[in-house]
Protein backbone atom coordinates (compact mmCIF):
# COMPACT_ATOMS: atom_id res chain seq x y z
CA UNK A 1 -31.43 -0.04 20.89
CA UNK A 2 -33.84 0.25 21.70
CA UNK A 3 -33.68 2.79 24.39
CA UNK A 4 -29.98 2.50 22.64
CA UNK A 5 -28.10 2.54 25.59
CA UNK A 6 -30.06 5.34 25.91
CA UNK A 7 -29.54 5.69 28.92
CA UNK A 8 -26.31 4.79 28.64
CA UNK A 9 -26.59 8.70 28.69
CA UNK A 10 -29.59 8.89 31.99
CA UNK A 11 -32.25 7.11 32.72
CA UNK A 12 -34.72 9.20 32.47
CA UNK A 13 -37.59 8.33 34.59
CA UNK A 14 -41.04 10.19 33.39
CA UNK A 15 -42.69 13.07 35.01
CA UNK A 16 -46.10 12.44 34.02
CA UNK A 17 -47.03 16.07 36.60
CA UNK A 18 -46.17 18.44 33.85
CA UNK A 19 -49.37 20.35 32.54
CA UNK A 20 -48.10 19.76 29.00
CA UNK A 21 -47.49 16.03 28.31
CA UNK A 22 -46.04 16.86 25.16
CA UNK A 23 -43.19 18.28 26.79
CA UNK A 24 -40.80 17.12 29.73
CA UNK A 25 -40.55 19.74 32.95
CA UNK A 26 -37.16 21.54 30.94
CA UNK A 27 -39.33 21.87 28.11
CA UNK A 28 -37.82 19.38 25.93
CA UNK A 29 -40.11 17.20 23.45
CA UNK A 30 -41.40 13.88 24.28
CA UNK A 31 -42.17 11.44 21.70
CA UNK A 32 -46.00 10.81 20.90
CA UNK A 33 -48.33 9.98 18.43
CA UNK A 34 -48.38 11.77 15.23
CA UNK A 35 -45.14 12.87 13.89
CA UNK A 36 -43.71 9.62 11.51
CA UNK A 37 -39.73 9.78 10.57
CA UNK A 38 -38.50 11.24 7.72
CA UNK A 39 -35.47 9.72 6.07
CA UNK A 40 -32.70 11.00 5.12
CA UNK A 41 -33.78 14.20 7.12
CA UNK A 42 -34.69 12.13 10.45
CA UNK A 43 -30.67 11.12 10.34
CA UNK A 44 -29.79 14.55 11.90
CA UNK A 45 -30.38 15.78 15.20
CA UNK A 46 -33.39 16.28 16.88
CA UNK A 47 -31.96 19.34 19.61
CA UNK A 48 -35.48 19.51 20.98
CA UNK A 49 -35.79 16.51 22.71
CA UNK A 50 -33.37 15.57 25.17
CA UNK A 51 -31.64 12.29 24.74
CA UNK A 52 -30.91 11.02 21.04
CA UNK A 53 -28.00 8.65 20.34
CA UNK A 54 -26.80 7.10 16.89
CA UNK A 55 -25.48 3.14 17.12
CA UNK A 56 -24.01 1.01 14.82
CA UNK A 57 -22.95 -2.78 15.27
CA UNK A 58 -21.43 -5.48 13.52
CA UNK A 59 -19.55 -8.04 12.36
CA UNK A 60 -16.18 -7.36 10.11
CA UNK A 61 -13.85 -10.17 8.75
CA UNK A 62 -10.35 -9.38 7.19
CA UNK A 63 -9.02 -11.16 4.16
CA UNK A 64 -7.69 -14.06 6.12
CA UNK A 65 -11.10 -14.46 7.59
CA UNK A 66 -10.66 -13.63 11.36
CA UNK A 67 -14.12 -12.16 12.78
CA UNK A 68 -14.19 -8.99 15.11
CA UNK A 69 -17.31 -7.54 15.85
CA UNK A 70 -17.54 -3.48 16.43
CA UNK A 71 -20.07 -1.12 18.36
CA UNK A 72 -20.18 2.71 17.79
CA UNK A 73 -22.70 4.94 19.67
CA UNK A 74 -22.34 8.73 19.41
CA UNK A 75 -25.31 10.14 21.96
CA UNK A 76 -26.13 13.70 22.67
CA UNK A 77 -27.69 14.91 25.98
CA UNK A 78 -29.62 17.96 26.14
CA UNK A 79 -29.16 19.82 29.71
CA UNK A 80 -31.27 22.87 28.71
CA UNK A 81 -33.78 23.86 26.05
CA UNK A 82 -32.35 26.74 25.13
CA UNK A 83 -29.54 28.56 26.05
CA UNK A 84 -28.46 32.62 26.71
CA UNK A 85 -25.78 32.91 24.13
CA UNK A 86 -25.13 36.46 25.04
CA UNK A 87 -23.93 35.28 28.38
CA UNK A 88 -21.40 33.58 27.01
CA UNK A 89 -20.43 32.07 23.96
CA UNK A 90 -19.53 28.64 26.41
CA UNK A 91 -22.12 28.18 27.77
CA UNK A 92 -23.39 24.44 27.87
CA UNK A 93 -26.88 23.32 26.52
CA UNK A 94 -25.92 19.45 25.12
CA UNK A 95 -22.62 17.42 25.75
CA UNK A 96 -21.85 14.81 23.81
CA UNK A 97 -20.94 11.05 24.58
CA UNK A 98 -19.04 8.24 22.30
CA UNK A 99 -18.38 4.55 23.45
CA UNK A 100 -16.34 2.59 20.93
CA UNK A 101 -15.69 -1.23 20.89
CA UNK A 102 -14.31 -3.96 18.74
CA UNK A 103 -14.10 -7.73 20.15
CA UNK A 104 -11.55 -9.54 18.60
CA UNK A 105 -12.83 -13.01 18.84
CA UNK A 106 -10.20 -15.17 18.25
CA UNK A 107 -8.38 -13.36 21.11
CA UNK A 108 -11.24 -13.06 22.66
CA UNK A 109 -10.27 -9.39 23.98
CA UNK A 110 -12.72 -6.55 23.77
CA UNK A 111 -11.26 -2.97 23.16
CA UNK A 112 -13.66 -0.33 24.78
CA UNK A 113 -12.88 3.24 25.12
CA UNK A 114 -15.27 6.25 26.23
CA UNK A 115 -15.00 10.05 26.12
CA UNK A 116 -17.41 13.48 26.67
CA UNK A 117 -17.06 16.62 25.60
CA UNK A 118 -19.53 19.41 25.76
CA UNK A 119 -21.41 19.92 21.97
CA UNK A 120 -18.71 22.89 20.87
CA UNK A 121 -17.07 24.07 17.47
CA UNK A 122 -14.98 21.39 16.39
CA UNK A 123 -14.48 18.89 19.54
CA UNK A 124 -17.93 17.67 19.35
CA UNK A 125 -21.54 17.93 18.15
CA UNK A 126 -24.58 16.52 15.79
CA UNK A 127 -25.53 18.57 12.98
CA UNK A 128 -29.60 19.31 12.36
CA UNK A 129 -29.32 19.40 8.70
CA UNK A 130 -27.75 16.11 8.06
CA UNK A 131 -26.17 12.76 9.42
CA UNK A 132 -22.88 14.64 10.93
CA UNK A 133 -21.86 13.43 14.47
CA UNK A 134 -18.42 13.86 16.04
CA UNK A 135 -16.91 13.42 19.60
CA UNK A 136 -12.96 14.35 19.03
CA UNK A 137 -11.94 11.83 16.04
CA UNK A 138 -15.04 9.72 16.50
CA UNK A 139 -16.97 10.72 13.22
CA UNK A 140 -20.36 9.77 11.67
CA UNK A 141 -20.32 11.54 8.25
CA UNK A 142 -23.16 11.30 5.36
CA UNK A 143 -21.19 12.01 2.33
CA UNK A 144 -24.00 12.81 -0.10
CA UNK A 145 -27.28 14.86 0.86
CA UNK A 146 -29.42 11.67 0.94
CA UNK A 147 -27.37 9.67 2.74
CA UNK A 148 -26.43 7.01 0.88
CA UNK A 149 -22.88 6.66 2.00
CA UNK A 150 -21.33 7.65 4.63
CA UNK A 151 -17.92 7.50 6.55
CA UNK A 152 -17.22 5.95 10.12
CA UNK A 153 -13.85 6.53 12.05
CA UNK A 154 -13.79 5.63 15.99
CA UNK A 155 -10.76 4.31 18.12
CA UNK A 156 -11.52 1.36 20.61
CA UNK A 157 -8.62 2.54 22.76
CA UNK A 158 -5.29 2.61 20.44
CA UNK A 159 -7.26 0.54 17.88
CA UNK A 160 -8.76 2.46 14.81
CA UNK A 161 -11.69 1.33 12.49
CA UNK A 162 -11.99 3.29 9.43
CA UNK A 163 -15.35 1.86 7.84
CA UNK A 164 -17.29 3.27 4.46
CA UNK A 165 -20.53 2.76 5.10
CA UNK A 166 -23.28 1.97 2.11
CA UNK A 167 -26.65 3.33 3.51
CA UNK A 168 -28.34 2.91 0.48
CA UNK A 169 -28.16 -1.10 0.72
CA UNK A 170 -29.87 -1.56 3.93
CA UNK A 171 -33.52 -1.88 4.46
CA UNK A 172 -35.27 0.06 7.09
CA UNK A 173 -36.93 -0.95 10.34
CA UNK A 174 -40.03 1.57 11.93
CA UNK A 175 -40.44 0.35 15.52
CA UNK A 176 -43.62 0.23 17.14
CA UNK A 177 -47.20 0.09 16.52
CA UNK A 178 -47.65 3.37 15.20
CA UNK A 179 -44.48 2.96 13.12
CA UNK A 180 -41.31 4.51 14.50
CA UNK A 181 -43.04 5.69 17.64
CA UNK A 182 -41.54 2.72 20.29
CA UNK A 183 -43.24 2.78 23.43
CA UNK A 184 -41.55 2.45 26.70
CA UNK A 185 -43.86 2.87 29.39
CA UNK A 186 -47.90 3.32 30.08
CA UNK A 187 -47.66 6.98 30.13
CA UNK A 188 -48.17 9.42 26.93
CA UNK A 189 -44.85 10.43 25.52
CA UNK A 190 -43.00 7.74 27.80
CA UNK A 191 -41.33 7.02 24.53
CA UNK A 192 -39.30 7.14 21.34
CA UNK A 193 -38.98 7.76 17.78
CA UNK A 194 -37.02 4.80 16.76
CA UNK A 195 -35.63 3.19 13.52
CA UNK A 196 -32.97 0.80 12.55
CA UNK A 197 -31.49 -0.10 9.59
CA UNK A 198 -30.41 -3.84 9.75
CA UNK A 199 -28.16 -3.93 6.54
CA UNK A 200 -25.49 -1.85 5.82
CA UNK A 201 -22.30 -2.68 3.94
CA UNK A 202 -18.95 -1.94 4.88
CA UNK A 203 -15.86 -2.22 4.07
CA UNK A 204 -12.29 -0.69 5.81
CA UNK A 205 -9.28 -1.00 7.93
CA UNK A 206 -8.43 -2.10 11.66
CA UNK A 207 -5.17 -0.02 12.23
CA UNK A 208 -3.21 -1.76 15.22
CA UNK A 209 -0.89 0.04 17.47
CA UNK A 210 1.86 -1.32 15.87
CA UNK A 211 1.38 -0.01 12.41
CA UNK A 212 -0.50 -3.20 10.98
CA UNK A 213 -3.36 -2.11 8.99
CA UNK A 214 -5.89 -4.85 7.76
CA UNK A 215 -8.54 -4.62 5.52
CA UNK A 216 -12.09 -6.01 6.87
CA UNK A 217 -15.63 -6.30 5.06
CA UNK A 218 -18.88 -6.62 6.57
CA UNK A 219 -22.32 -5.31 7.63
CA UNK A 220 -23.59 -3.26 10.26
CA UNK A 221 -26.80 -2.42 12.05
CA UNK A 222 -27.48 0.81 12.55
CA UNK A 223 -29.99 2.72 14.70
CA UNK A 224 -31.06 5.87 15.85
CA UNK A 225 -33.29 6.86 18.89
CA UNK A 226 -34.65 9.92 19.93
CA UNK A 227 -36.87 11.12 22.80
CA UNK A 228 -37.43 12.82 26.23
CA UNK A 229 -39.32 10.35 28.82
CA UNK A 230 -38.27 6.98 28.19
CA UNK A 231 -37.95 4.56 31.37
CA UNK A 232 -40.55 4.40 34.23
CA UNK A 233 -39.73 3.60 37.95
CA UNK A 234 -40.12 0.16 37.73
CA UNK A 235 -37.74 -0.93 35.71
CA UNK A 236 -34.73 -2.14 36.11
CA UNK A 237 -32.72 -2.66 32.88
CA UNK A 238 -33.32 -4.03 29.44
CA UNK A 239 -31.97 -7.18 27.24
CA UNK A 240 -31.68 -6.18 23.42
CA UNK A 241 -30.90 -8.59 20.23
CA UNK A 242 -30.69 -7.60 17.12
CA UNK A 243 -29.17 -9.66 14.10
CA UNK A 244 -29.95 -9.90 10.29
CA UNK A 245 -30.33 -13.29 9.13
CA UNK A 246 -28.71 -14.60 5.90
CA UNK A 247 -32.44 -15.68 4.08
CA UNK A 248 -33.13 -11.63 4.52
CA UNK A 249 -35.06 -11.94 7.70
CA UNK A 250 -34.29 -8.47 10.30
CA UNK A 251 -34.54 -9.21 13.65
CA UNK A 252 -35.18 -6.62 16.69
CA UNK A 253 -36.20 -7.44 20.59
CA UNK A 254 -36.05 -5.88 23.60
CA UNK A 255 -37.21 -6.51 27.11
CA UNK A 256 -37.31 -3.94 29.79
CA UNK A 257 -37.29 -6.09 32.72
CA UNK A 258 -38.89 -5.01 35.96
CA UNK A 259 -37.15 -4.83 39.32
CA UNK A 260 -40.24 -6.86 40.67
CA UNK A 261 -39.02 -9.61 38.23
CA UNK A 262 -39.93 -10.44 34.98
CA UNK A 263 -40.79 -8.16 31.61
CA UNK A 264 -42.58 -4.87 31.52
CA UNK A 265 -45.57 -5.05 29.36
CA UNK A 266 -44.36 -2.51 26.87
CA UNK A 267 -41.41 -4.82 25.52
CA UNK A 268 -41.65 -5.26 21.89
CA UNK A 269 -39.38 -5.56 18.60
CA UNK A 270 -39.77 -6.38 14.62
CA UNK A 271 -39.63 -8.66 12.40
CA UNK A 272 -39.02 -8.69 8.60
CA UNK A 273 -39.43 -11.47 6.42
CA UNK A 274 -38.09 -11.41 3.09
CA UNK A 275 -41.29 -10.29 0.34
CA UNK A 276 -43.48 -9.44 3.26
CA UNK A 277 -43.80 -5.70 5.09
CA UNK A 278 -42.09 -5.28 8.75
CA UNK A 279 -44.15 -5.45 11.01
CA UNK A 280 -44.37 -5.09 15.04
CA UNK A 281 -43.47 -7.91 17.97
CA UNK A 282 -45.67 -7.08 21.01
CA UNK A 283 -44.72 -8.87 24.59
CA UNK A 284 -46.87 -11.10 23.94
CA UNK A 285 -44.97 -12.92 20.64
CA UNK A 286 -42.18 -13.31 21.61
CA UNK A 287 -40.21 -15.09 24.14
CA UNK A 288 -36.43 -14.98 25.42
CA UNK A 289 -35.02 -17.51 27.87
CA UNK A 290 -31.44 -17.99 29.09
CA UNK A 291 -29.14 -20.95 28.62
CA UNK A 292 -26.60 -19.93 30.88
CA UNK A 293 -24.70 -17.35 32.98
CA UNK A 294 -21.23 -15.64 32.95
CA UNK A 295 -19.81 -14.01 35.66
CA UNK A 296 -17.20 -10.94 34.95
CA UNK A 297 -13.98 -10.88 37.29
CA UNK A 298 -14.16 -6.84 37.32
CA UNK A 299 -17.35 -5.91 38.23
CA UNK A 300 -18.78 -9.55 39.78
CA UNK A 301 -21.92 -8.80 37.65
CA UNK A 302 -24.09 -11.70 36.87
CA UNK A 303 -25.57 -11.74 33.23
CA UNK A 304 -27.45 -14.25 31.09
CA UNK A 305 -25.13 -15.67 28.46
CA UNK A 306 -26.60 -17.72 25.71
CA UNK A 307 -30.56 -17.80 24.78
CA UNK A 308 -33.30 -19.19 23.00
CA UNK A 309 -35.34 -16.70 20.96
CA UNK A 310 -38.77 -17.52 19.93
CA UNK A 311 -40.98 -16.01 17.54
CA UNK A 312 -44.24 -17.95 16.92
CA UNK A 313 -46.12 -15.51 14.49
CA UNK A 314 -42.95 -15.45 12.04
CA UNK A 315 -42.11 -19.25 12.78
CA UNK A 316 -38.99 -18.90 14.06
CA UNK A 317 -37.14 -19.95 16.78
CA UNK A 318 -33.46 -19.53 17.23
CA UNK A 319 -30.20 -20.09 19.70
CA UNK A 320 -28.08 -17.03 20.53
CA UNK A 321 -24.58 -17.57 21.40
CA UNK A 322 -21.62 -14.70 22.36
CA UNK A 323 -18.88 -15.28 20.02
CA UNK A 324 -16.88 -14.72 23.71
CA UNK A 325 -17.68 -14.32 27.13
CA UNK A 326 -16.25 -10.88 28.68
CA UNK A 327 -17.93 -8.27 26.26
CA UNK A 328 -18.87 -6.19 28.96
CA UNK A 329 -18.08 -2.18 28.71
CA UNK A 330 -16.63 0.13 31.53
CA UNK A 331 -17.43 3.67 30.75
CA UNK A 332 -15.93 5.46 34.04
CA UNK A 333 -15.40 8.69 31.64
CA UNK A 334 -18.62 9.11 30.31
CA UNK A 335 -22.34 7.46 30.88
CA UNK A 336 -20.41 5.52 33.75
CA UNK A 337 -22.80 2.64 32.91
CA UNK A 338 -21.62 -0.63 32.92
CA UNK A 339 -23.11 -3.39 30.36
CA UNK A 340 -22.66 -6.19 28.29
CA UNK A 341 -22.13 -5.69 24.65
CA UNK A 342 -21.25 -8.32 22.38
CA UNK A 343 -21.08 -9.90 18.71
CA UNK A 344 -22.93 -13.19 19.39
CA UNK A 345 -24.42 -15.96 16.77
CA UNK A 346 -27.34 -16.72 15.72
CA UNK A 347 -28.76 -20.21 14.38
CA UNK A 348 -32.52 -21.55 13.95
CA UNK A 349 -35.60 -22.43 11.85
CA UNK A 350 -37.43 -20.12 10.09
CA UNK A 351 -40.26 -21.51 8.24
CA UNK A 352 -38.56 -25.08 8.50
CA UNK A 353 -35.43 -23.97 6.86
CA UNK A 354 -32.41 -23.30 8.80
CA UNK A 355 -30.63 -19.50 9.03
CA UNK A 356 -27.84 -18.18 10.50
CA UNK A 357 -26.33 -14.72 11.37
CA UNK A 358 -24.33 -12.60 13.32
CA UNK A 359 -25.69 -9.56 15.30
CA UNK A 360 -25.68 -8.09 18.80
CA UNK A 361 -27.28 -8.42 22.44
CA UNK A 362 -26.79 -5.69 24.97
CA UNK A 363 -27.57 -6.26 28.56
CA UNK A 364 -28.29 -3.22 30.71
CA UNK A 365 -28.80 -3.11 34.33
CA UNK A 366 -26.78 -6.37 36.09
CA UNK A 367 -24.77 -4.43 37.80
CA UNK A 368 -26.76 -3.35 40.72
CA UNK A 369 -30.24 -1.09 40.18
CA UNK A 370 -29.96 1.10 37.30
CA UNK A 371 -30.11 4.44 37.95
CA UNK A 372 -29.63 7.79 36.61
CA UNK A 373 -25.94 8.73 36.33
CA UNK A 374 -25.83 12.54 35.08
């Protein structure tokens, strides 16, 4: 996301009493104005910040036309700003976490795995020099210095996904009124650096436990986000939408839900339409309203299921429909957060013309009060 399941690695409540508001109380750097994103350098890790993630989602189709959706998210979570390596070479500075999901639309099945490890040696880590993140066999690695192409390998239960990524083919959305600085709360530094690449061409294989391998092609949406102070204490979770439409329009919206009801004023989004620069959307410029609900048999959580999105300033009205209801993810082996992360169909009208797309929706905080889990 947006906060991309930021906190799927942990909900960071801003401590605004720190003497230097550009740092949190442990010395990690908060996201503040005046540090624009620089690509491809900023595909790499930012260990001066506490929390960071690389997140990819998108639709995939086999040669026979079967539809799948995938999610791959790597999190880096800093525990101490600096480690005294002289005390122990095994001292923990960062941990890495991974969530991998594959939605089988035909069989209405979500395959999902999560893992965790301290960042050390060949096991897990994130390069500070280039796009290279890994956790055991789950890897996202740039294949050239300019990060025009990359390789993704991930596991969801016993299913393995290998994808070649054409990063150079994508447009880029820099989120926030100040491009790249996404405000999440009222205090200075309660923000993240955040950009998206919504049109990454992908091709590769899905390998099944029985030895079958199916070729797939599709398009991925990639988010990278990093910072050290995200949520405020009155926020309960978020709803996040992303889609690249067939007419070239790119759309990202998120609503920060308040415990008292309604959406936080910092809820926002970005829209890019063909032939025009992408622009920031304020809370007043969009609405989304649920059209239904779904209750999990596993957790008992009830999620909205189906929405109507409206962005009058972009002359856009869209209906969002999950490809199947049960795309709930449980992560007991890593972040211990339960959330809904699913492939959806987006259909609507922009500027009087029909548009369609397949994108993702993320719903966090519906299984009870959202609290720090790590």
